[in-house]
Amino acid sequence: MEELTKAVRKLEVEQVKDDHTDRCCTFIMHDEDHTLGNALRYVIGKNPDVEFCGYSIPHPAEKKINLRIQTRGPSASEVLRKGLKDLDEICQHVLETLETSTQNFLQNSSNDVMDH
C-alpha cells in the first residue's frame, strides 16, 4: 500500500496584541478556514491555562481566520505553539491508526479471497 504523504506548508500568522499584555492576543492565520480554526479552538480550549479561545472568519470570501486566545498565566503565543504541537500529535496518531487499520483490512481481505 502507498504510504500517505504528509503535506508540509508554512502557516502564515499575524499577531495582534491586546491590552498591553501577552496573555490576550488575536492571531490572524492566512489561507486557513474552519478546518484549522475549529480544531485549534478545541485543542487550545482543553488547556487549563486558557480562559478563552475562539475563532471567527471575517468574511466568507476571505481565506483567513482570527483566533483569539486569553490565558491565565502563560503568553498567548506559548499557548498557540503548544496547541499547534498538540494538534500535530493528534493528527499523526490518527494518520498512523488509519494506515495500520487500512493495511490490516487489506491483508484480511486478501486472505478471505484466497480462502474462498
C-alpha atoms as a PDB file:
ATOM      1  CA  MET A   1       0.000   0.000   0.000  1.00  0.00           C
ATOM      2  CA  GLU A   2       1.169   3.504  -0.768  1.00  0.00           C
ATOM      3  CA  GLU A   3       2.052   5.422   2.372  1.00  0.00           C
ATOM      4  CA  LEU A   4       0.043   8.592   2.890  1.00  0.00           C
ATOM      5  CA  THR A   5       2.291  11.600   2.484  1.00  0.00           C
ATOM      6  CA  LYS A   6       2.479  14.423   4.960  1.00  0.00           C
ATOM      7  CA  ALA A   7       1.790  17.773   3.356  1.00  0.00           C
ATOM      8  CA  VAL A   8       4.064  20.394   4.846  1.00  0.00           C
ATOM      9  CA  ARG A   9       3.130  24.023   4.442  1.00  0.00           C
ATOM     10  CA  LYS A  10       4.220  27.054   6.389  1.00  0.00           C
ATOM     11  CA  LEU A  11       1.475  28.615   8.497  1.00  0.00           C
ATOM     12  CA  GLU A  12       1.329  32.388   7.987  1.00  0.00           C
ATOM     13  CA  VAL A  13       0.308  34.077  11.251  1.00  0.00           C
ATOM     14  CA  GLU A  14      -0.024  37.746  12.219  1.00  0.00           C
ATOM     15  CA  GLN A  15      -0.156  38.607  15.909  1.00  0.00           C
ATOM     16  CA  VAL A  16      -2.357  41.458  17.176  1.00  0.00           C
ATOM     17  CA  LYS A  17      -1.733  42.069  20.887  1.00  0.00           C
ATOM     18  CA  ASP A  18      -4.467  43.443  23.115  1.00  0.00           C
ATOM     19  CA  ASP A  19      -4.470  45.360  26.394  1.00  0.00           C
ATOM     20  CA  HIS A  20      -0.671  45.697  26.532  1.00  0.00           C
ATOM     21  CA  THR A  21      -0.329  42.140  27.809  1.00  0.00           C
ATOM     22  CA  ASP A  22       0.949  38.985  26.175  1.00  0.00           C
ATOM     23  CA  ARG A  23      -1.780  36.904  27.824  1.00  0.00           C
ATOM     24  CA  CYS A  24      -4.502  38.189  25.485  1.00  0.00           C
ATOM     25  CA  CYS A  25      -3.954  38.143  21.753  1.00  0.00           C
ATOM     26  CA  THR A  26      -5.625  37.699  18.371  1.00  0.00           C
ATOM     27  CA  PHE A  27      -3.776  35.708  15.726  1.00  0.00           C
ATOM     28  CA  ILE A  28      -4.679  36.166  12.066  1.00  0.00           C
ATOM     29  CA  MET A  29      -3.999  32.988  10.102  1.00  0.00           C
ATOM     30  CA  HIS A  30      -3.905  33.498   6.362  1.00  0.00           C
ATOM     31  CA  ASP A  31      -5.085  30.853   3.861  1.00  0.00           C
ATOM     32  CA  GLU A  32      -6.953  28.956   6.584  1.00  0.00           C
ATOM     33  CA  ASP A  33     -10.608  28.145   7.257  1.00  0.00           C
ATOM     34  CA  HIS A  34     -12.901  26.290   9.670  1.00  0.00           C
ATOM     35  CA  THR A  35     -10.830  23.108   9.353  1.00  0.00           C
ATOM     36  CA  LEU A  36      -7.877  24.500  11.271  1.00  0.00           C
ATOM     37  CA  GLY A  37      -9.859  27.089  13.229  1.00  0.00           C
ATOM     38  CA  ASN A  38     -12.257  24.672  14.874  1.00  0.00           C
ATOM     39  CA  ALA A  39      -9.584  22.031  15.546  1.00  0.00           C
ATOM     40  CA  LEU A  40      -7.274  24.593  17.182  1.00  0.00           C
ATOM     41  CA  ARG A  41     -10.128  26.136  19.164  1.00  0.00           C
ATOM     42  CA  TYR A  42     -10.952  22.704  20.578  1.00  0.00           C
ATOM     43  CA  VAL A  43      -7.374  21.660  21.394  1.00  0.00           C
ATOM     44  CA  ILE A  44      -6.372  25.027  22.882  1.00  0.00           C
ATOM     45  CA  GLY A  45      -9.632  25.229  24.841  1.00  0.00           C
ATOM     46  CA  LYS A  46      -8.679  21.978  26.631  1.00  0.00           C
ATOM     47  CA  ASN A  47      -5.588  23.660  28.095  1.00  0.00           C
ATOM     48  CA  PRO A  48      -6.313  24.507  31.776  1.00  0.00           C
ATOM     49  CA  ASP A  49      -4.295  27.757  31.447  1.00  0.00           C
ATOM     50  CA  VAL A  50      -6.747  29.084  28.838  1.00  0.00           C
ATOM     51  CA  GLU A  51      -9.594  31.384  29.902  1.00  0.00           C
ATOM     52  CA  PHE A  52     -10.969  31.832  26.380  1.00  0.00           C
ATOM     53  CA  CYS A  53     -10.259  30.567  22.896  1.00  0.00           C
ATOM     54  CA  GLY A  54     -12.435  31.279  19.902  1.00  0.00           C
ATOM     55  CA  TYR A  55     -12.129  31.974  16.229  1.00  0.00           C
ATOM     56  CA  SER A  56     -14.012  33.791  13.508  1.00  0.00           C
ATOM     57  CA  ILE A  57     -13.851  34.147   9.771  1.00  0.00           C
ATOM     58  CA  PRO A  58     -14.105  37.875   8.981  1.00  0.00           C
ATOM     59  CA  HIS A  59     -15.857  37.313   5.642  1.00  0.00           C
ATOM     60  CA  PRO A  60     -16.761  34.129   3.714  1.00  0.00           C
ATOM     61  CA  ALA A  61     -14.823  35.369   0.678  1.00  0.00           C
ATOM     62  CA  GLU A  62     -11.598  35.770   2.700  1.00  0.00           C
ATOM     63  CA  LYS A  63      -9.402  32.770   3.363  1.00  0.00           C
ATOM     64  CA  LYS A  64      -8.286  33.741   6.845  1.00  0.00           C
ATOM     65  CA  ILE A  65      -9.303  33.179  10.426  1.00  0.00           C
ATOM     66  CA  ASN A  66      -8.969  35.312  13.537  1.00  0.00           C
ATOM     67  CA  LEU A  67      -8.064  33.145  16.532  1.00  0.00           C
ATOM     68  CA  ARG A  68      -8.353  34.861  19.914  1.00  0.00           C
ATOM     69  CA  ILE A  69      -6.656  33.441  22.988  1.00  0.00           C
ATOM     70  CA  GLN A  70      -6.812  34.711  26.587  1.00  0.00           C
ATOM     71  CA  THR A  71      -4.782  32.896  29.227  1.00  0.00           C
ATOM     72  CA  ARG A  72      -4.462  32.785  32.999  1.00  0.00           C
ATOM     73  CA  GLY A  73      -0.669  32.850  33.017  1.00  0.00           C
ATOM     74  CA  PRO A  74       1.460  31.880  30.039  1.00  0.00           C
ATOM     75  CA  SER A  75       1.643  34.062  26.967  1.00  0.00           C
ATOM     76  CA  ALA A  76      -0.941  33.563  24.246  1.00  0.00           C
ATOM     77  CA  SER A  77       1.920  32.830  21.822  1.00  0.00           C
ATOM     78  CA  GLU A  78       3.167  29.969  24.013  1.00  0.00           C
ATOM     79  CA  VAL A  79      -0.359  28.564  24.238  1.00  0.00           C
ATOM     80  CA  LEU A  80      -0.753  28.768  20.442  1.00  0.00           C
ATOM     81  CA  ARG A  81       2.568  26.961  19.906  1.00  0.00           C
ATOM     82  CA  LYS A  82       1.532  24.238  22.357  1.00  0.00           C
ATOM     83  CA  GLY A  83      -1.885  23.961  20.684  1.00  0.00           C
ATOM     84  CA  LEU A  84      -0.316  23.576  17.246  1.00  0.00           C
ATOM     85  CA  LYS A  85       2.112  20.943  18.592  1.00  0.00           C
ATOM     86  CA  ASP A  86      -0.693  19.037  20.337  1.00  0.00           C
ATOM     87  CA  LEU A  87      -2.873  19.166  17.213  1.00  0.00           C
ATOM     88  CA  ASP A  88       0.024  17.880  15.103  1.00  0.00           C
ATOM     89  CA  GLU A  89       0.494  14.959  17.526  1.00  0.00           C
ATOM     90  CA  ILE A  90      -3.234  14.135  17.359  1.00  0.00           C
ATOM     91  CA  CYS A  91      -3.156  14.226  13.557  1.00  0.00           C
ATOM     92  CA  GLN A  92      -0.065  11.992  13.459  1.00  0.00           C
ATOM     93  CA  HIS A  93      -1.777   9.465  15.742  1.00  0.00           C
ATOM     94  CA  VAL A  94      -4.904   9.456  13.550  1.00  0.00           C
ATOM     95  CA  LEU A  95      -2.786   9.037  10.405  1.00  0.00           C
ATOM     96  CA  GLU A  96      -0.793   6.133  11.898  1.00  0.00           C
ATOM     97  CA  THR A  97      -4.007   4.452  13.106  1.00  0.00           C
ATOM     98  CA  LEU A  98      -5.576   4.861   9.666  1.00  0.00           C
ATOM     99  CA  GLU A  99      -2.530   3.418   7.892  1.00  0.00           C
ATOM    100  CA  THR A 100      -2.354   0.433  10.264  1.00  0.00           C
ATOM    101  CA  SER A 101      -6.085  -0.265  10.024  1.00  0.00           C
ATOM    102  CA  THR A 102      -6.010   0.031   6.229  1.00  0.00           C
ATOM    103  CA  GLN A 103      -3.094  -2.397   5.987  1.00  0.00           C
ATOM    104  CA  ASN A 104      -4.841  -4.862   8.317  1.00  0.00           C
ATOM    105  CA  PHE A 105      -8.067  -4.603   6.318  1.00  0.00           C
ATOM    106  CA  LEU A 106      -6.292  -5.169   3.014  1.00  0.00           C
ATOM    107  CA  GLN A 107      -4.389  -8.167   4.400  1.00  0.00           C
ATOM    108  CA  ASN A 108      -7.566  -9.707   5.839  1.00  0.00           C
ATOM    109  CA  SER A 109      -9.465  -9.035   2.598  1.00  0.00           C
ATOM    110  CA  SER A 110      -6.790 -10.752   0.514  1.00  0.00           C
ATOM    111  CA  ASN A 111      -6.759 -13.707   2.932  1.00  0.00           C
ATOM    112  CA  ASP A 112     -10.570 -14.007   2.679  1.00  0.00           C
ATOM    113  CA  VAL A 113     -10.362 -14.057  -1.124  1.00  0.00           C
ATOM    114  CA  MET A 114      -7.710 -16.801  -1.033  1.00  0.00           C
ATOM    115  CA  ASP A 115      -9.752 -18.906   1.413  1.00  0.00           C
ATOM    116  CA  HIS A 116     -12.781 -18.947  -0.892  1.00  0.00           C
END
